[in-house]
Amino acid sequence: MGTPISLSTGTAGEGASLPPLPHVTDSQRLGYDAVHLPEHYSRFPIEPIHFIAENQFPFIEGSIIKYVARWRYKNGVEDLRKAKRFLEMLIAREEGNTEWSK
């Protein structure tokens, strides 16, 4: 077993040195997490998921909010197209089109 590493100092015993740390991205440094705190959502005072949940938006409307909120920071125009698709489905459904989801 190797030399124990001190959790308080981050050193490996007397005179020992640790290997260099791998490159740390801004996302990692700032505590962003692709699952729990994605960078493209955490820049807002209220994350879209919290806004959507608190206001009890249905799935389609929540998806529109999500894609419009993140388009500049994640997938660009592709996210706007996704928002447009959900908006078109919502309009078709509200107009009584029985094939609104196709």
N, C-alpha and C. Protein backbone atom coordinates (compact mmCIF):
# COMPACT_ATOMS: atom_id res chain seq x y z
N MET A 1 0.85 -1.18 0.00
CA MET A 1 0.00 0.00 0.00
C MET A 1 0.89 1.23 0.00
N GLY A 2 0.48 2.31 -0.67
CA GLY A 2 1.27 3.52 -0.78
C GLY A 2 1.23 4.38 0.46
N THR A 3 1.92 5.51 0.38
CA THR A 3 1.95 6.47 1.48
C THR A 3 0.58 7.10 1.64
N PRO A 4 0.04 7.15 2.85
CA PRO A 4 -1.28 7.77 3.03
C PRO A 4 -1.24 9.26 2.71
N ILE A 5 -2.30 9.75 2.16
CA ILE A 5 -2.40 11.16 1.81
C ILE A 5 -3.19 11.87 2.89
N SER A 6 -2.66 12.97 3.36
CA SER A 6 -3.34 13.77 4.36
C SER A 6 -4.50 14.50 3.70
N LEU A 7 -5.69 14.31 4.24
CA LEU A 7 -6.86 15.00 3.69
C LEU A 7 -6.82 16.48 4.00
N SER A 8 -6.18 16.86 5.09
CA SER A 8 -6.17 18.27 5.45
C SER A 8 -5.16 19.07 4.65
N THR A 9 -4.04 18.45 4.29
CA THR A 9 -3.02 19.20 3.55
C THR A 9 -2.91 18.80 2.10
N GLY A 10 -3.43 17.62 1.75
CA GLY A 10 -3.34 17.14 0.38
C GLY A 10 -1.96 16.64 0.02
N THR A 11 -1.11 16.41 1.02
CA THR A 11 0.24 15.93 0.75
C THR A 11 0.35 14.46 1.12
N ALA A 12 1.33 13.81 0.53
CA ALA A 12 1.54 12.38 0.76
C ALA A 12 2.74 12.19 1.66
N GLY A 13 2.58 12.38 2.95
CA GLY A 13 3.64 12.15 3.91
C GLY A 13 4.77 13.17 3.80
N GLU A 14 5.81 12.98 4.62
CA GLU A 14 6.95 13.89 4.67
C GLU A 14 7.73 13.85 3.37
N GLY A 15 7.91 14.99 2.73
CA GLY A 15 8.76 15.11 1.56
C GLY A 15 8.20 14.49 0.29
N ALA A 16 7.09 13.79 0.37
CA ALA A 16 6.53 13.15 -0.82
C ALA A 16 5.71 14.18 -1.60
N SER A 17 5.63 13.97 -2.89
CA SER A 17 4.82 14.87 -3.69
C SER A 17 3.78 14.07 -4.47
N LEU A 18 2.68 14.72 -4.75
CA LEU A 18 1.61 14.08 -5.51
C LEU A 18 1.83 14.33 -6.99
N PRO A 19 1.32 13.45 -7.84
CA PRO A 19 1.41 13.70 -9.27
C PRO A 19 0.62 14.95 -9.61
N PRO A 20 0.94 15.62 -10.71
CA PRO A 20 0.20 16.83 -11.07
C PRO A 20 -1.27 16.51 -11.29
N LEU A 21 -2.10 17.46 -10.96
CA LEU A 21 -3.54 17.30 -11.16
C LEU A 21 -3.86 17.40 -12.64
N PRO A 22 -4.87 16.65 -13.08
CA PRO A 22 -5.28 16.77 -14.48
C PRO A 22 -5.89 18.15 -14.71
N HIS A 23 -5.99 18.53 -15.97
CA HIS A 23 -6.58 19.81 -16.32
C HIS A 23 -7.99 19.90 -15.74
N VAL A 24 -8.30 20.98 -15.11
CA VAL A 24 -9.62 21.19 -14.52
C VAL A 24 -10.34 22.25 -15.35
N THR A 25 -11.50 21.88 -15.86
CA THR A 25 -12.28 22.82 -16.66
C THR A 25 -12.98 23.82 -15.76
N ASP A 26 -13.45 24.92 -16.34
CA ASP A 26 -14.23 25.89 -15.57
C ASP A 26 -15.46 25.24 -14.97
N SER A 27 -16.09 24.35 -15.72
CA SER A 27 -17.28 23.67 -15.21
C SER A 27 -16.96 22.89 -13.95
N GLN A 28 -15.85 22.17 -13.96
CA GLN A 28 -15.46 21.40 -12.78
C GLN A 28 -15.09 22.32 -11.63
N ARG A 29 -14.33 23.37 -11.93
CA ARG A 29 -13.87 24.29 -10.89
C ARG A 29 -15.05 24.98 -10.21
N LEU A 30 -16.05 25.31 -10.99
CA LEU A 30 -17.20 26.02 -10.44
C LEU A 30 -18.26 25.07 -9.88
N GLY A 31 -18.00 23.78 -9.95
CA GLY A 31 -18.92 22.81 -9.38
C GLY A 31 -20.07 22.40 -10.27
N TYR A 32 -19.98 22.69 -11.57
CA TYR A 32 -21.03 22.27 -12.48
C TYR A 32 -20.96 20.76 -12.64
N ASP A 33 -22.09 20.18 -12.87
CA ASP A 33 -22.18 18.74 -13.02
C ASP A 33 -23.18 18.50 -14.15
N ALA A 34 -22.79 17.72 -15.14
CA ALA A 34 -23.64 17.52 -16.32
C ALA A 34 -25.01 16.96 -15.97
N VAL A 35 -25.13 16.30 -14.84
CA VAL A 35 -26.41 15.72 -14.45
C VAL A 35 -27.16 16.61 -13.46
N HIS A 36 -26.48 17.04 -12.41
CA HIS A 36 -27.16 17.76 -11.33
C HIS A 36 -27.13 19.28 -11.45
N LEU A 37 -26.15 19.82 -12.12
CA LEU A 37 -26.06 21.28 -12.27
C LEU A 37 -25.38 21.61 -13.59
N PRO A 38 -26.07 21.36 -14.72
CA PRO A 38 -25.46 21.64 -16.02
C PRO A 38 -25.14 23.13 -16.17
N GLU A 39 -24.00 23.40 -16.74
CA GLU A 39 -23.54 24.79 -16.89
C GLU A 39 -24.52 25.63 -17.69
N HIS A 40 -25.14 25.04 -18.72
CA HIS A 40 -26.04 25.81 -19.57
C HIS A 40 -27.34 26.19 -18.87
N TYR A 41 -27.64 25.62 -17.73
CA TYR A 41 -28.82 26.02 -16.96
C TYR A 41 -28.45 26.80 -15.70
N SER A 42 -27.30 26.53 -15.14
CA SER A 42 -26.94 27.11 -13.84
C SER A 42 -26.62 28.60 -13.92
N ARG A 43 -26.53 29.14 -15.09
CA ARG A 43 -26.23 30.57 -15.24
C ARG A 43 -27.44 31.44 -14.93
N PHE A 44 -28.61 30.84 -14.80
CA PHE A 44 -29.83 31.60 -14.53
C PHE A 44 -30.09 31.70 -13.03
N PRO A 45 -30.70 32.80 -12.57
CA PRO A 45 -31.05 32.91 -11.14
C PRO A 45 -32.01 31.80 -10.71
N ILE A 46 -32.87 31.38 -11.62
CA ILE A 46 -33.79 30.27 -11.37
C ILE A 46 -33.57 29.26 -12.49
N GLU A 47 -33.18 28.04 -12.15
CA GLU A 47 -32.99 27.04 -13.19
C GLU A 47 -34.32 26.75 -13.86
N PRO A 48 -34.31 26.56 -15.17
CA PRO A 48 -35.56 26.28 -15.88
C PRO A 48 -36.38 25.14 -15.26
N ILE A 49 -35.74 24.07 -14.82
CA ILE A 49 -36.48 22.95 -14.24
C ILE A 49 -37.25 23.38 -13.00
N HIS A 50 -36.66 24.25 -12.19
CA HIS A 50 -37.36 24.72 -10.98
C HIS A 50 -38.53 25.64 -11.36
N PHE A 51 -38.30 26.50 -12.33
CA PHE A 51 -39.36 27.40 -12.81
C PHE A 51 -40.53 26.58 -13.38
N ILE A 52 -40.20 25.58 -14.18
CA ILE A 52 -41.22 24.73 -14.81
C ILE A 52 -42.00 23.97 -13.75
N ALA A 53 -41.29 23.37 -12.80
CA ALA A 53 -41.95 22.58 -11.76
C ALA A 53 -42.80 23.45 -10.84
N GLU A 54 -42.25 24.57 -10.39
CA GLU A 54 -42.98 25.45 -9.48
C GLU A 54 -44.27 25.98 -10.10
N ASN A 55 -44.25 26.20 -11.40
CA ASN A 55 -45.42 26.72 -12.10
C ASN A 55 -46.29 25.63 -12.71
N GLN A 56 -45.89 24.37 -12.49
CA GLN A 56 -46.64 23.20 -12.93
C GLN A 56 -46.97 23.24 -14.43
N PHE A 57 -45.96 23.62 -15.22
CA PHE A 57 -46.16 23.61 -16.66
C PHE A 57 -46.24 22.17 -17.15
N PRO A 58 -47.14 21.88 -18.08
CA PRO A 58 -47.18 20.55 -18.69
C PRO A 58 -45.90 20.29 -19.49
N PHE A 59 -45.69 19.05 -19.86
CA PHE A 59 -44.45 18.64 -20.52
C PHE A 59 -44.12 19.48 -21.76
N ILE A 60 -45.07 19.63 -22.66
CA ILE A 60 -44.79 20.34 -23.91
C ILE A 60 -44.37 21.78 -23.63
N GLU A 61 -45.10 22.47 -22.76
CA GLU A 61 -44.77 23.86 -22.45
C GLU A 61 -43.43 23.96 -21.71
N GLY A 62 -43.17 23.01 -20.82
CA GLY A 62 -41.89 22.99 -20.12
C GLY A 62 -40.73 22.77 -21.08
N SER A 63 -40.95 21.94 -22.08
CA SER A 63 -39.90 21.69 -23.08
C SER A 63 -39.60 22.95 -23.87
N ILE A 64 -40.62 23.70 -24.21
CA ILE A 64 -40.43 24.96 -24.94
C ILE A 64 -39.57 25.90 -24.10
N ILE A 65 -39.91 26.03 -22.82
CA ILE A 65 -39.14 26.90 -21.91
C ILE A 65 -37.70 26.43 -21.84
N LYS A 66 -37.50 25.13 -21.65
CA LYS A 66 -36.16 24.56 -21.53
C LYS A 66 -35.30 24.88 -22.75
N TYR A 67 -35.83 24.61 -23.94
CA TYR A 67 -35.04 24.81 -25.15
C TYR A 67 -34.76 26.29 -25.42
N VAL A 68 -35.73 27.14 -25.17
CA VAL A 68 -35.51 28.57 -25.40
C VAL A 68 -34.50 29.11 -24.39
N ALA A 69 -34.55 28.63 -23.16
CA ALA A 69 -33.63 29.11 -22.13
C ALA A 69 -32.17 28.74 -22.44
N ARG A 70 -31.96 27.56 -22.99
CA ARG A 70 -30.57 27.09 -23.13
C ARG A 70 -29.94 27.27 -24.50
N TRP A 71 -30.69 27.70 -25.50
CA TRP A 71 -30.19 27.64 -26.87
C TRP A 71 -28.86 28.35 -27.07
N ARG A 72 -28.64 29.49 -26.43
CA ARG A 72 -27.38 30.23 -26.61
C ARG A 72 -26.18 29.51 -26.00
N TYR A 73 -26.44 28.65 -25.02
CA TYR A 73 -25.36 28.07 -24.22
C TYR A 73 -25.13 26.59 -24.48
N LYS A 74 -26.01 25.96 -25.25
CA LYS A 74 -25.84 24.53 -25.47
C LYS A 74 -25.81 24.18 -26.95
N ASN A 75 -26.95 24.11 -27.60
CA ASN A 75 -27.00 23.59 -28.97
C ASN A 75 -27.36 24.61 -30.04
N GLY A 76 -27.36 25.88 -29.70
CA GLY A 76 -27.62 26.91 -30.69
C GLY A 76 -28.97 26.77 -31.36
N VAL A 77 -29.00 27.01 -32.66
CA VAL A 77 -30.24 27.01 -33.43
C VAL A 77 -30.97 25.67 -33.36
N GLU A 78 -30.24 24.59 -33.16
CA GLU A 78 -30.88 23.27 -33.02
C GLU A 78 -31.90 23.29 -31.88
N ASP A 79 -31.55 23.93 -30.75
CA ASP A 79 -32.50 24.02 -29.64
C ASP A 79 -33.69 24.91 -29.99
N LEU A 80 -33.48 25.94 -30.79
CA LEU A 80 -34.60 26.77 -31.23
C LEU A 80 -35.54 25.95 -32.12
N ARG A 81 -34.97 25.09 -32.94
CA ARG A 81 -35.80 24.23 -33.79
C ARG A 81 -36.60 23.25 -32.93
N LYS A 82 -35.99 22.74 -31.88
CA LYS A 82 -36.71 21.85 -30.98
C LYS A 82 -37.85 22.60 -30.30
N ALA A 83 -37.58 23.81 -29.84
CA ALA A 83 -38.63 24.62 -29.21
C ALA A 83 -39.76 24.89 -30.21
N LYS A 84 -39.39 25.19 -31.44
CA LYS A 84 -40.38 25.44 -32.50
C LYS A 84 -41.24 24.21 -32.73
N ARG A 85 -40.61 23.04 -32.75
CA ARG A 85 -41.35 21.78 -32.95
C ARG A 85 -42.37 21.58 -31.84
N PHE A 86 -41.95 21.79 -30.59
CA PHE A 86 -42.88 21.63 -29.47
C PHE A 86 -43.99 22.68 -29.53
N LEU A 87 -43.65 23.90 -29.93
CA LEU A 87 -44.65 24.95 -30.06
C LEU A 87 -45.66 24.61 -31.16
N GLU A 88 -45.17 24.08 -32.28
CA GLU A 88 -46.06 23.66 -33.36
C GLU A 88 -46.99 22.54 -32.90
N MET A 89 -46.47 21.59 -32.11
CA MET A 89 -47.31 20.51 -31.59
C MET A 89 -48.38 21.07 -30.65
N LEU A 90 -47.99 22.00 -29.79
CA LEU A 90 -48.93 22.60 -28.86
C LEU A 90 -50.05 23.34 -29.60
N ILE A 91 -49.69 24.11 -30.61
CA ILE A 91 -50.68 24.84 -31.40
C ILE A 91 -51.62 23.86 -32.09
N ALA A 92 -51.07 22.83 -32.72
CA ALA A 92 -51.89 21.85 -33.42
C ALA A 92 -52.85 21.16 -32.45
N ARG A 93 -52.36 20.79 -31.28
CA ARG A 93 -53.22 20.13 -30.28
C ARG A 93 -54.35 21.07 -29.84
N GLU A 94 -53.99 22.33 -29.58
CA GLU A 94 -54.99 23.29 -29.12
C GLU A 94 -56.01 23.64 -30.20
N GLU A 95 -55.62 23.49 -31.46
CA GLU A 95 -56.55 23.72 -32.58
C GLU A 95 -57.39 22.49 -32.88
N GLY A 96 -57.18 21.42 -32.12
CA GLY A 96 -58.00 20.22 -32.28
C GLY A 96 -57.47 19.20 -33.27
N ASN A 97 -56.28 19.38 -33.76
CA ASN A 97 -55.67 18.43 -34.69
C ASN A 97 -55.37 17.14 -33.94
N THR A 98 -56.02 16.05 -34.32
CA THR A 98 -55.84 14.78 -33.61
C THR A 98 -54.47 14.14 -33.89
N GLU A 99 -53.78 14.64 -34.88
CA GLU A 99 -52.45 14.11 -35.19
C GLU A 99 -51.37 15.11 -34.81
N TRP A 100 -51.61 15.85 -33.74
CA TRP A 100 -50.71 16.92 -33.30
C TRP A 100 -49.30 16.45 -32.98
N SER A 101 -49.15 15.20 -32.58
CA SER A 101 -47.81 14.74 -32.17
C SER A 101 -46.99 14.14 -33.28
N LYS A 102 -47.50 14.18 -34.50
CA LYS A 102 -46.77 13.56 -35.62
C LYS A 102 -45.98 14.57 -36.40
